[in-house]
Protein backbone atom coordinates (compact mmCIF):
# COMPACT_ATOMS: atom_id res chain seq x y z
CA MET A 1 75.33 106.99 61.60
CA SER A 2 76.31 110.92 62.72
CA HIS A 3 78.67 111.29 59.62
CA PHE A 4 79.71 115.22 60.03
CA ALA A 5 82.44 117.39 58.77
CA ILE A 6 84.70 119.84 60.15
CA GLU A 7 86.01 123.25 58.25
CA VAL A 8 89.00 124.20 60.20
CA VAL A 9 90.14 127.92 58.56
CA VAL A 10 93.82 128.02 59.53
CA ARG A 11 96.00 131.30 59.27
CA VAL A 12 99.69 130.57 59.52
CA ARG A 13 102.47 133.34 59.54
CA SER A 14 103.12 135.79 56.73
CA GLY A 15 104.94 134.34 53.82
CA GLN A 16 105.20 130.60 55.68
CA GLY A 17 102.19 128.74 53.61
CA ASP A 18 104.58 127.14 51.47
CA GLU A 19 106.15 125.72 54.28
CA PHE A 20 103.24 124.87 56.17
CA THR A 21 101.72 123.05 52.36
CA PRO A 22 103.46 119.90 52.76
CA LEU A 23 102.89 119.51 56.35
CA ILE A 24 99.15 119.72 55.91
CA LEU A 25 99.15 117.50 53.01
CA ALA A 26 101.22 114.79 54.69
CA ASN A 27 98.12 114.86 57.65
CA ALA A 28 95.56 114.81 55.03
CA ARG A 29 96.93 111.77 53.37
CA ALA A 30 97.67 109.61 56.68
CA ALA A 31 94.30 110.40 57.90
CA VAL A 32 92.37 109.01 54.91
CA ARG A 33 94.62 106.10 54.14
CA ASP A 34 95.30 105.38 58.07
CA GLU A 35 91.80 106.23 59.67
CA PRO A 36 89.09 103.82 59.01
CA GLY A 37 86.59 106.72 60.16
CA CYS A 38 87.93 109.44 58.17
CA ARG A 39 86.01 109.63 55.19
CA ASP A 40 87.85 112.49 53.08
CA PHE A 41 90.13 115.21 54.27
CA ARG A 42 90.43 118.21 51.18
CA VAL A 43 93.11 121.02 51.76
CA PHE A 44 92.34 124.06 50.22
CA ARG A 45 94.35 127.23 49.46
CA SER A 46 92.89 130.80 49.57
CA GLU A 47 93.71 131.91 46.24
CA ASP A 48 93.43 136.17 47.42
CA ASP A 49 95.49 135.15 50.81
CA PRO A 50 98.30 132.22 50.13
CA ASP A 51 98.88 131.89 54.04
CA THR A 52 95.23 130.78 54.64
CA PHE A 53 93.69 127.39 54.35
CA VAL A 54 90.83 125.95 54.60
CA LEU A 55 90.39 121.67 55.50
CA VAL A 56 87.21 120.14 55.11
CA GLU A 57 87.59 116.93 56.83
CA GLU A 58 84.75 114.08 57.06
CA TYR A 59 84.30 112.03 59.64
CA ASP A 60 81.86 108.86 60.79
CA ASP A 61 81.18 110.02 63.72
CA ALA A 62 82.74 111.87 66.98
CA ALA A 63 84.70 108.60 67.83
CA ALA A 64 86.43 109.15 64.48
CA LEU A 65 87.62 112.38 65.10
CA GLU A 66 88.97 111.75 68.61
CA ALA A 67 90.70 109.08 66.77
CA HIS A 68 92.14 111.08 64.20
CA ARG A 69 93.46 113.62 66.81
CA ALA A 70 95.29 110.48 69.04
CA THR A 71 97.20 109.42 65.88
CA PRO A 72 101.06 109.93 65.56
CA HIS A 73 100.45 111.52 62.13
CA TYR A 74 98.38 114.13 63.97
CA ALA A 75 101.33 114.55 66.82
CA ALA A 76 104.07 114.88 64.06
CA PHE A 77 101.74 117.56 62.29
CA GLY A 78 101.17 119.23 65.45
CA ALA A 79 105.18 119.43 66.38
CA ALA A 80 106.15 120.54 63.12
CA ALA A 81 103.63 123.05 62.16
CA GLY A 82 102.31 124.57 65.27
CA ASP A 83 104.65 127.56 65.82
CA LEU A 84 103.42 128.71 62.07
CA ILE A 85 100.05 128.33 62.67
CA VAL A 86 98.90 132.22 64.02
CA GLU A 87 94.67 131.82 63.82
CA LYS A 88 92.52 128.49 63.58
CA THR A 89 88.76 128.64 63.94
CA LEU A 90 86.60 125.18 63.52
CA ARG A 91 83.10 124.98 62.48
CA ARG A 92 81.69 121.31 62.88
CA LEU A 93 78.94 120.91 59.66
CA ALA A 94 76.30 118.42 60.01
CA ALA A 95 75.58 116.04 56.89
CA VAL A 96 72.08 117.06 55.32
CA PRO A 97 70.51 113.58 54.12
CA THR A 98 69.94 113.08 50.43
């Protein structure tokens, strides 16, 4: 199995962190609840900058991530939050065997 995670750093427009929070939490909850290939979806908010978020998402494989991106809740999130986001970076992380 090719289990991996992605780390997504999202910066939203100044002062919009409180508006973004419920949108990303709804997306994260739906991903874990509705997507068999999504192992976890954690949302972190910077203590130093309340307009910066770090998302850590774990997937079984690349197909599971693509399935996530094709869901209605992902589309709804994009439509609702797209104008709030000013910067987004993504990094793929390989799982280290234990």
